[in-house]
Amino acid sequence: MSTLKKPIVTEKATALNEKGQYSFQVERTANKVQIKKEIEALYGVTVTGISTIRTNGKMKTKSTKAGQVTGRRPHGKKAIVTVKEGDVIDFYNGI
């Protein structure tokens, strides 16, 4: 089972790329050791540090003909990975 879901490509995450840090959405049950092994195998880089962040899904309310329906977006987990100086992960050219 893959622990990485997808890379996060936003303005804030792209700014971190210049510092050698990359953001990924990962499985909620994944730990730092699993994330490190998968990134090193998949992208061929040396990982020097990982920070993980658990996020709670937002509450959302939707109006319908029958009234309001309240729900929640799914919970998630992000990993910010620091790679060795000189190593680069390129999301745009594929794996």
Protein backbone atom coordinates (compact mmCIF):
# COMPACT_ATOMS: atom_id res chain seq x y z
CA MET A 1 0.00 0.00 0.00
CA SER A 2 1.31 3.43 -0.92
CA THR A 3 1.60 5.95 1.92
CA LEU A 4 1.89 8.93 -0.46
CA LYS A 5 -1.37 10.17 -1.98
CA LYS A 6 -0.20 13.18 -4.02
CA PRO A 7 2.19 16.13 -3.92
CA ILE A 8 0.80 19.45 -2.76
CA VAL A 9 1.38 22.09 -5.43
CA THR A 10 0.23 25.46 -4.08
CA GLU A 11 1.91 28.85 -3.94
CA LYS A 12 3.02 28.29 -0.36
CA ALA A 13 4.31 24.77 -1.07
CA THR A 14 6.12 25.92 -4.22
CA ALA A 15 7.90 28.62 -2.20
CA LEU A 16 9.20 25.88 0.12
CA ASN A 17 10.69 24.03 -2.88
CA GLU A 18 13.38 26.71 -3.16
CA LYS A 19 14.52 25.78 0.38
CA GLY A 20 14.67 22.07 -0.50
CA GLN A 21 11.36 21.26 1.21
CA TYR A 22 8.49 19.45 -0.51
CA SER A 23 4.90 18.92 0.65
CA PHE A 24 2.89 15.73 0.19
CA GLN A 25 -0.56 14.57 1.17
CA VAL A 26 -0.10 11.19 2.89
CA GLU A 27 -2.24 8.47 4.44
CA ARG A 28 -3.46 9.39 7.92
CA THR A 29 -1.90 6.22 9.40
CA ALA A 30 1.55 6.72 7.79
CA ASN A 31 4.54 7.38 10.03
CA LYS A 32 7.75 9.27 9.27
CA VAL A 33 9.82 6.13 8.61
CA GLN A 34 7.35 4.86 6.01
CA ILE A 35 7.16 8.28 4.33
CA LYS A 36 10.96 8.58 4.21
CA LYS A 37 11.45 5.11 2.68
CA GLU A 38 8.82 5.68 0.00
CA ILE A 39 10.09 9.12 -1.04
CA GLU A 40 13.69 7.93 -1.25
CA ALA A 41 12.67 4.91 -3.34
CA LEU A 42 10.26 6.82 -5.59
CA TYR A 43 12.26 9.97 -6.30
CA GLY A 44 15.87 8.82 -5.69
CA VAL A 45 16.72 11.58 -3.19
CA THR A 46 18.14 11.58 0.34
CA VAL A 47 15.64 12.74 2.97
CA THR A 48 17.15 14.68 5.89
CA GLY A 49 13.98 15.61 7.79
CA ILE A 50 10.21 15.19 7.89
CA SER A 51 7.48 17.20 9.61
CA THR A 52 3.95 15.82 9.68
CA ILE A 53 0.72 17.74 10.19
CA ARG A 54 -2.69 16.19 10.91
CA THR A 55 -5.58 18.26 9.58
CA ASN A 56 -9.25 18.09 10.53
CA GLY A 57 -11.86 18.36 7.79
CA LYS A 58 -13.92 21.55 7.66
CA MET A 59 -17.58 21.55 8.62
CA LYS A 60 -19.75 22.40 5.62
CA THR A 61 -23.42 23.33 5.39
CA LYS A 62 -25.44 22.94 2.22
CA SER A 63 -28.94 24.29 1.63
CA THR A 64 -31.39 22.01 -0.14
CA LYS A 65 -35.15 22.06 -0.78
CA ALA A 66 -35.63 19.91 2.32
CA GLY A 67 -33.58 22.26 4.54
CA GLN A 68 -29.94 22.48 5.51
CA VAL A 69 -27.62 19.49 5.46
CA THR A 70 -24.46 19.59 7.55
CA GLY A 71 -21.45 17.48 6.76
CA ARG A 72 -17.71 17.36 7.12
CA ARG A 73 -14.85 17.17 4.63
CA PRO A 74 -12.47 14.28 5.22
CA HIS A 75 -9.60 14.49 7.72
CA GLY A 76 -6.09 14.33 6.29
CA LYS A 77 -2.37 14.37 6.94
CA LYS A 78 0.43 16.34 5.28
CA ALA A 79 4.16 15.75 5.29
CA ILE A 80 6.79 18.43 4.66
CA VAL A 81 9.96 16.65 3.54
CA THR A 82 13.42 18.22 3.60
CA VAL A 83 15.90 16.71 1.13
CA LYS A 84 19.70 16.85 1.06
CA GLU A 85 21.17 20.02 -0.42
CA GLY A 86 21.53 19.59 -4.17
CA ASP A 87 18.76 16.98 -4.48
CA VAL A 88 15.61 18.04 -6.35
CA ILE A 89 12.17 16.46 -6.73
CA ASP A 90 10.53 17.39 -10.03
CA PHE A 91 6.74 16.87 -9.94
CA TYR A 92 6.16 18.08 -13.50
CA ASN A 93 8.34 15.65 -15.50
CA GLY A 94 6.89 12.51 -13.93
CA ILE A 95 8.57 9.77 -11.98
